[in-house]
């Protein structure tokens, strides 16, 4: 199915960023070092790509369609996913706030940055596993080919409207750049 395959492909990029964040967090804890330019880009990726774009596709398009097709949104996997999106947003806000303190000269905020990154990484790693192995297979069973194609087209439109033309590709370049710095 195109709709869930697209989201799973985005999960690959998000997972790569989670691996990068783990390394950045380890560097903070071991070396007391943080590259501010990289951190700004990581936070932007989380806010725009992971949350606004990816979670936006799920919350505004996929989940309502699944609910219309008999999968309840208040309980079960959709309810869990929505709750975890909110928890993740809290971690991103805390991370961003700690980073603002760090840039203002509070070097003690580095440990909070590392801690918030670890919490987000743990949450999203589990979250992605649940979506890929529980929710998306359920979606593939209830979505007709017509609905699947419509969702995929709506994803493209949402992405262009929410993050702008070319931004998706920019984020993939960022992933490649940070991967070469932190994971190789």
C-alpha atoms as a PDB file:
ATOM      1  CA  UNK A   1       0.000   0.000   0.000  1.00  0.00           C
ATOM      2  CA  UNK A   2       1.355   3.413  -0.943  1.00  0.00           C
ATOM      3  CA  UNK A   3       0.054   5.362   2.071  1.00  0.00           C
ATOM      4  CA  UNK A   4       1.631   3.179   4.731  1.00  0.00           C
ATOM      5  CA  UNK A   5       4.742   2.530   2.627  1.00  0.00           C
ATOM      6  CA  UNK A   6       5.339   6.280   2.399  1.00  0.00           C
ATOM      7  CA  UNK A   7       5.088   6.610   6.174  1.00  0.00           C
ATOM      8  CA  UNK A   8       7.398   3.640   6.699  1.00  0.00           C
ATOM      9  CA  UNK A   9       9.922   5.228   4.340  1.00  0.00           C
ATOM     10  CA  UNK A  10       9.756   8.391   6.457  1.00  0.00           C
ATOM     11  CA  UNK A  11      10.302   6.212   9.523  1.00  0.00           C
ATOM     12  CA  UNK A  12      13.648   5.187   8.030  1.00  0.00           C
ATOM     13  CA  UNK A  13      14.761   8.832   7.944  1.00  0.00           C
ATOM     14  CA  UNK A  14      13.440   9.470  11.449  1.00  0.00           C
ATOM     15  CA  UNK A  15      15.209   6.341  12.715  1.00  0.00           C
ATOM     16  CA  UNK A  16      18.463   7.569  11.197  1.00  0.00           C
ATOM     17  CA  UNK A  17      17.986  10.877  13.051  1.00  0.00           C
ATOM     18  CA  UNK A  18      17.295   8.959  16.271  1.00  0.00           C
ATOM     19  CA  UNK A  19      20.621   7.145  15.833  1.00  0.00           C
ATOM     20  CA  UNK A  20      22.362  10.477  15.259  1.00  0.00           C
ATOM     21  CA  UNK A  21      20.680  11.932  18.349  1.00  0.00           C
ATOM     22  CA  UNK A  22      21.890   8.986  20.436  1.00  0.00           C
ATOM     23  CA  UNK A  23      25.448   9.702  19.353  1.00  0.00           C
ATOM     24  CA  UNK A  24      25.077  13.449  20.006  1.00  0.00           C
ATOM     25  CA  UNK A  25      23.664  12.686  23.456  1.00  0.00           C
ATOM     26  CA  UNK A  26      26.567  10.323  24.182  1.00  0.00           C
ATOM     27  CA  UNK A  27      29.049  13.004  23.056  1.00  0.00           C
ATOM     28  CA  UNK A  28      27.480  15.487  25.451  1.00  0.00           C
ATOM     29  CA  UNK A  29      27.675  13.058  28.350  1.00  0.00           C
ATOM     30  CA  UNK A  30      31.199  11.795  27.593  1.00  0.00           C
ATOM     31  CA  UNK A  31      32.926  14.855  26.163  1.00  0.00           C
ATOM     32  CA  UNK A  32      30.806  17.744  27.429  1.00  0.00           C
ATOM     33  CA  UNK A  33      30.631  18.894  23.792  1.00  0.00           C
ATOM     34  CA  UNK A  34      27.744  20.117  21.644  1.00  0.00           C
ATOM     35  CA  UNK A  35      27.784  21.535  18.112  1.00  0.00           C
ATOM     36  CA  UNK A  36      25.157  24.292  18.192  1.00  0.00           C
ATOM     37  CA  UNK A  37      24.675  24.395  14.412  1.00  0.00           C
ATOM     38  CA  UNK A  38      23.960  20.665  14.322  1.00  0.00           C
ATOM     39  CA  UNK A  39      21.637  20.919  17.317  1.00  0.00           C
ATOM     40  CA  UNK A  40      19.605  23.681  15.650  1.00  0.00           C
ATOM     41  CA  UNK A  41      19.174  21.505  12.571  1.00  0.00           C
ATOM     42  CA  UNK A  42      18.233  18.451  14.637  1.00  0.00           C
ATOM     43  CA  UNK A  43      15.535  20.410  16.461  1.00  0.00           C
ATOM     44  CA  UNK A  44      14.233  21.802  13.167  1.00  0.00           C
ATOM     45  CA  UNK A  45      14.102  18.271  11.729  1.00  0.00           C
ATOM     46  CA  UNK A  46      12.123  17.046  14.754  1.00  0.00           C
ATOM     47  CA  UNK A  47       9.705  19.980  14.722  1.00  0.00           C
ATOM     48  CA  UNK A  48       9.139  20.160  10.976  1.00  0.00           C
ATOM     49  CA  UNK A  49       9.817  16.756   9.427  1.00  0.00           C
ATOM     50  CA  UNK A  50       8.985  14.330  12.230  1.00  0.00           C
ATOM     51  CA  UNK A  51       6.135  16.242  13.837  1.00  0.00           C
ATOM     52  CA  UNK A  52       4.558  18.714  11.443  1.00  0.00           C
ATOM     53  CA  UNK A  53       4.986  16.616   8.289  1.00  0.00           C
ATOM     54  CA  UNK A  54       5.065  12.959   9.348  1.00  0.00           C
ATOM     55  CA  UNK A  55       2.804  13.076  12.391  1.00  0.00           C
ATOM     56  CA  UNK A  56       0.645  15.593  10.533  1.00  0.00           C
ATOM     57  CA  UNK A  57       0.027  13.041   7.767  1.00  0.00           C
ATOM     58  CA  UNK A  58      -0.980  10.492  10.367  1.00  0.00           C
ATOM     59  CA  UNK A  59      -3.159  12.748  12.519  1.00  0.00           C
ATOM     60  CA  UNK A  60      -4.861  14.774   9.786  1.00  0.00           C
ATOM     61  CA  UNK A  61      -5.197  12.098   7.110  1.00  0.00           C
ATOM     62  CA  UNK A  62      -4.460   8.462   8.004  1.00  0.00           C
ATOM     63  CA  UNK A  63      -5.980   8.189  11.483  1.00  0.00           C
ATOM     64  CA  UNK A  64      -9.322   9.841  10.542  1.00  0.00           C
ATOM     65  CA  UNK A  65      -9.559   7.561   7.498  1.00  0.00           C
ATOM     66  CA  UNK A  66      -8.876   4.505   9.645  1.00  0.00           C
ATOM     67  CA  UNK A  67     -11.518   5.635  12.115  1.00  0.00           C
ATOM     68  CA  UNK A  68     -14.036   6.018   9.276  1.00  0.00           C
ATOM     69  CA  UNK A  69     -13.183   2.447   8.342  1.00  0.00           C
ATOM     70  CA  UNK A  70     -13.857   0.944  11.761  1.00  0.00           C
ATOM     71  CA  UNK A  71     -10.638   1.368  13.751  1.00  0.00           C
ATOM     72  CA  UNK A  72     -11.500   3.343  16.927  1.00  0.00           C
ATOM     73  CA  UNK A  73      -9.421   6.430  17.654  1.00  0.00           C
ATOM     74  CA  UNK A  74      -9.964   6.627  21.417  1.00  0.00           C
ATOM     75  CA  UNK A  75      -8.659   3.188  22.255  1.00  0.00           C
ATOM     76  CA  UNK A  76      -6.376   0.734  20.599  1.00  0.00           C
ATOM     77  CA  UNK A  77      -3.383   1.597  18.451  1.00  0.00           C
ATOM     78  CA  UNK A  78      -4.595   4.999  17.209  1.00  0.00           C
ATOM     79  CA  UNK A  79      -5.190   6.225  20.764  1.00  0.00           C
ATOM     80  CA  UNK A  80      -1.730   5.046  21.792  1.00  0.00           C
ATOM     81  CA  UNK A  81      -0.106   6.723  18.768  1.00  0.00           C
ATOM     82  CA  UNK A  82      -1.888  10.036  19.442  1.00  0.00           C
ATOM     83  CA  UNK A  83      -0.808   9.945  23.089  1.00  0.00           C
ATOM     84  CA  UNK A  84       2.792   9.208  22.127  1.00  0.00           C
ATOM     85  CA  UNK A  85       2.782  12.072  19.596  1.00  0.00           C
ATOM     86  CA  UNK A  86       1.841  14.418  22.456  1.00  0.00           C
ATOM     87  CA  UNK A  87       4.542  13.030  24.748  1.00  0.00           C
ATOM     88  CA  UNK A  88       7.085  13.416  21.932  1.00  0.00           C
ATOM     89  CA  UNK A  89       6.051  17.038  21.412  1.00  0.00           C
ATOM     90  CA  UNK A  90       6.715  17.631  25.106  1.00  0.00           C
ATOM     91  CA  UNK A  91      10.209  16.178  24.782  1.00  0.00           C
ATOM     92  CA  UNK A  92      10.901  18.318  21.706  1.00  0.00           C
ATOM     93  CA  UNK A  93       9.721  21.440  23.560  1.00  0.00           C
ATOM     94  CA  UNK A  94      11.888  20.588  26.573  1.00  0.00           C
ATOM     95  CA  UNK A  95      14.840  19.943  24.260  1.00  0.00           C
ATOM     96  CA  UNK A  96      14.313  23.245  22.480  1.00  0.00           C
ATOM     97  CA  UNK A  97      13.961  25.135  25.783  1.00  0.00           C
ATOM     98  CA  UNK A  98      17.146  23.547  27.161  1.00  0.00           C
ATOM     99  CA  UNK A  99      18.986  24.402  23.953  1.00  0.00           C
ATOM    100  CA  UNK A 100      17.837  28.035  24.246  1.00  0.00           C
ATOM    101  CA  UNK A 101      19.268  28.114  27.794  1.00  0.00           C
ATOM    102  CA  UNK A 102      22.512  26.588  26.526  1.00  0.00           C
ATOM    103  CA  UNK A 103      22.867  29.205  23.780  1.00  0.00           C
ATOM    104  CA  UNK A 104      22.284  31.897  26.402  1.00  0.00           C
ATOM    105  CA  UNK A 105      25.339  30.636  28.294  1.00  0.00           C
ATOM    106  CA  UNK A 106      23.888  28.034  30.677  1.00  0.00           C
ATOM    107  CA  UNK A 107      26.224  25.109  30.083  1.00  0.00           C
ATOM    108  CA  UNK A 108      24.402  23.055  32.719  1.00  0.00           C
ATOM    109  CA  UNK A 109      21.557  22.810  30.194  1.00  0.00           C
ATOM    110  CA  UNK A 110      23.692  20.397  28.140  1.00  0.00           C
ATOM    111  CA  UNK A 111      22.780  17.527  30.449  1.00  0.00           C
ATOM    112  CA  UNK A 112      19.083  18.304  30.028  1.00  0.00           C
ATOM    113  CA  UNK A 113      19.589  18.363  26.248  1.00  0.00           C
ATOM    114  CA  UNK A 114      21.182  14.921  26.407  1.00  0.00           C
ATOM    115  CA  UNK A 115      18.428  13.626  28.688  1.00  0.00           C
ATOM    116  CA  UNK A 116      15.560  14.947  26.526  1.00  0.00           C
ATOM    117  CA  UNK A 117      17.179  13.472  23.424  1.00  0.00           C
ATOM    118  CA  UNK A 118      17.466  10.052  25.083  1.00  0.00           C
ATOM    119  CA  UNK A 119      13.817  10.174  26.178  1.00  0.00           C
ATOM    120  CA  UNK A 120      12.698  11.136  22.677  1.00  0.00           C
ATOM    121  CA  UNK A 121      14.851   8.445  21.066  1.00  0.00           C
ATOM    122  CA  UNK A 122      13.432   5.762  23.372  1.00  0.00           C
ATOM    123  CA  UNK A 123       9.844   6.906  22.813  1.00  0.00           C
ATOM    124  CA  UNK A 124      10.092   7.171  19.028  1.00  0.00           C
ATOM    125  CA  UNK A 125      11.985   3.903  18.618  1.00  0.00           C
ATOM    126  CA  UNK A 126       9.160   2.046  20.335  1.00  0.00           C
ATOM    127  CA  UNK A 127       6.512   4.181  18.600  1.00  0.00           C
ATOM    128  CA  UNK A 128       7.861   3.443  15.114  1.00  0.00           C
ATOM    129  CA  UNK A 129       8.000  -0.271  15.892  1.00  0.00           C
ATOM    130  CA  UNK A 130       4.321  -0.251  16.932  1.00  0.00           C
ATOM    131  CA  UNK A 131       3.237   1.675  13.860  1.00  0.00           C
ATOM    132  CA  UNK A 132       5.212  -0.476  11.422  1.00  0.00           C
ATOM    133  CA  UNK A 133       4.196  -3.798  12.991  1.00  0.00           C
ATOM    134  CA  UNK A 134       0.699  -3.200  14.375  1.00  0.00           C
ATOM    135  CA  UNK A 135      -1.066  -0.105  13.057  1.00  0.00           C
ATOM    136  CA  UNK A 136       0.127  -0.051   9.452  1.00  0.00           C
ATOM    137  CA  UNK A 137      -0.723  -3.722   8.814  1.00  0.00           C
ATOM    138  CA  UNK A 138      -4.207  -2.973  10.211  1.00  0.00           C
ATOM    139  CA  UNK A 139      -4.431   0.024   7.872  1.00  0.00           C
ATOM    140  CA  UNK A 140      -3.410  -2.049   4.878  1.00  0.00           C
ATOM    141  CA  UNK A 141      -6.292  -4.429   5.600  1.00  0.00           C
ATOM    142  CA  UNK A 142      -8.989  -1.717   5.719  1.00  0.00           C
ATOM    143  CA  UNK A 143      -7.815   0.731   3.057  1.00  0.00           C
ATOM    144  CA  UNK A 144      -9.088   0.076  -0.431  1.00  0.00           C
ATOM    145  CA  UNK A 145      -6.799   0.768  -3.362  1.00  0.00           C
ATOM    146  CA  UNK A 146      -8.840   3.902  -4.135  1.00  0.00           C
ATOM    147  CA  UNK A 147      -8.553   5.211  -0.548  1.00  0.00           C
ATOM    148  CA  UNK A 148      -4.865   4.363  -0.477  1.00  0.00           C
ATOM    149  CA  UNK A 149      -4.226   6.350  -3.664  1.00  0.00           C
ATOM    150  CA  UNK A 150      -6.266   9.278  -2.341  1.00  0.00           C
ATOM    151  CA  UNK A 151      -4.333   9.293   0.935  1.00  0.00           C
ATOM    152  CA  UNK A 152      -1.010   9.206  -0.880  1.00  0.00           C
ATOM    153  CA  UNK A 153      -2.039  12.221  -3.002  1.00  0.00           C
ATOM    154  CA  UNK A 154      -3.183  14.060   0.120  1.00  0.00           C
ATOM    155  CA  UNK A 155       0.183  13.322   1.777  1.00  0.00           C
ATOM    156  CA  UNK A 156       1.958  15.033  -1.101  1.00  0.00           C
ATOM    157  CA  UNK A 157      -0.317  18.060  -0.856  1.00  0.00           C
ATOM    158  CA  UNK A 158       0.037  18.304   2.935  1.00  0.00           C
ATOM    159  CA  UNK A 159       3.809  18.069   2.667  1.00  0.00           C
ATOM    160  CA  UNK A 160       3.970  20.885   0.132  1.00  0.00           C
ATOM    161  CA  UNK A 161       1.578  23.086   2.121  1.00  0.00           C
ATOM    162  CA  UNK A 162       3.013  22.362   5.573  1.00  0.00           C
ATOM    163  CA  UNK A 163       6.756  22.316   4.951  1.00  0.00           C
ATOM    164  CA  UNK A 164       7.171  23.749   1.474  1.00  0.00           C
ATOM    165  CA  UNK A 165       8.626  22.619  -1.799  1.00  0.00           C
ATOM    166  CA  UNK A 166      12.083  21.070  -1.565  1.00  0.00           C
ATOM    167  CA  UNK A 167      12.212  20.986   2.242  1.00  0.00           C
ATOM    168  CA  UNK A 168      11.821  17.204   2.356  1.00  0.00           C
ATOM    169  CA  UNK A 169      14.912  16.834   0.176  1.00  0.00           C
ATOM    170  CA  UNK A 170      16.788  19.352   2.341  1.00  0.00           C
ATOM    171  CA  UNK A 171      16.097  17.187   5.378  1.00  0.00           C
ATOM    172  CA  UNK A 172      17.414  14.109   3.580  1.00  0.00           C
ATOM    173  CA  UNK A 173      20.617  16.014   2.763  1.00  0.00           C
ATOM    174  CA  UNK A 174      20.872  16.968   6.439  1.00  0.00           C
ATOM    175  CA  UNK A 175      20.499  13.318   7.428  1.00  0.00           C
ATOM    176  CA  UNK A 176      23.268  12.337   5.033  1.00  0.00           C
ATOM    177  CA  UNK A 177      25.545  15.105   6.328  1.00  0.00           C
ATOM    178  CA  UNK A 178      24.968  14.295  10.006  1.00  0.00           C
ATOM    179  CA  UNK A 179      25.260  10.550   9.365  1.00  0.00           C
ATOM    180  CA  UNK A 180      28.729  11.129   7.857  1.00  0.00           C
ATOM    181  CA  UNK A 181      29.739  13.146  10.926  1.00  0.00           C
ATOM    182  CA  UNK A 182      28.236  11.086  13.747  1.00  0.00           C
ATOM    183  CA  UNK A 183      27.735   7.537  12.512  1.00  0.00           C
ATOM    184  CA  UNK A 184      30.692   6.720  10.260  1.00  0.00           C
END
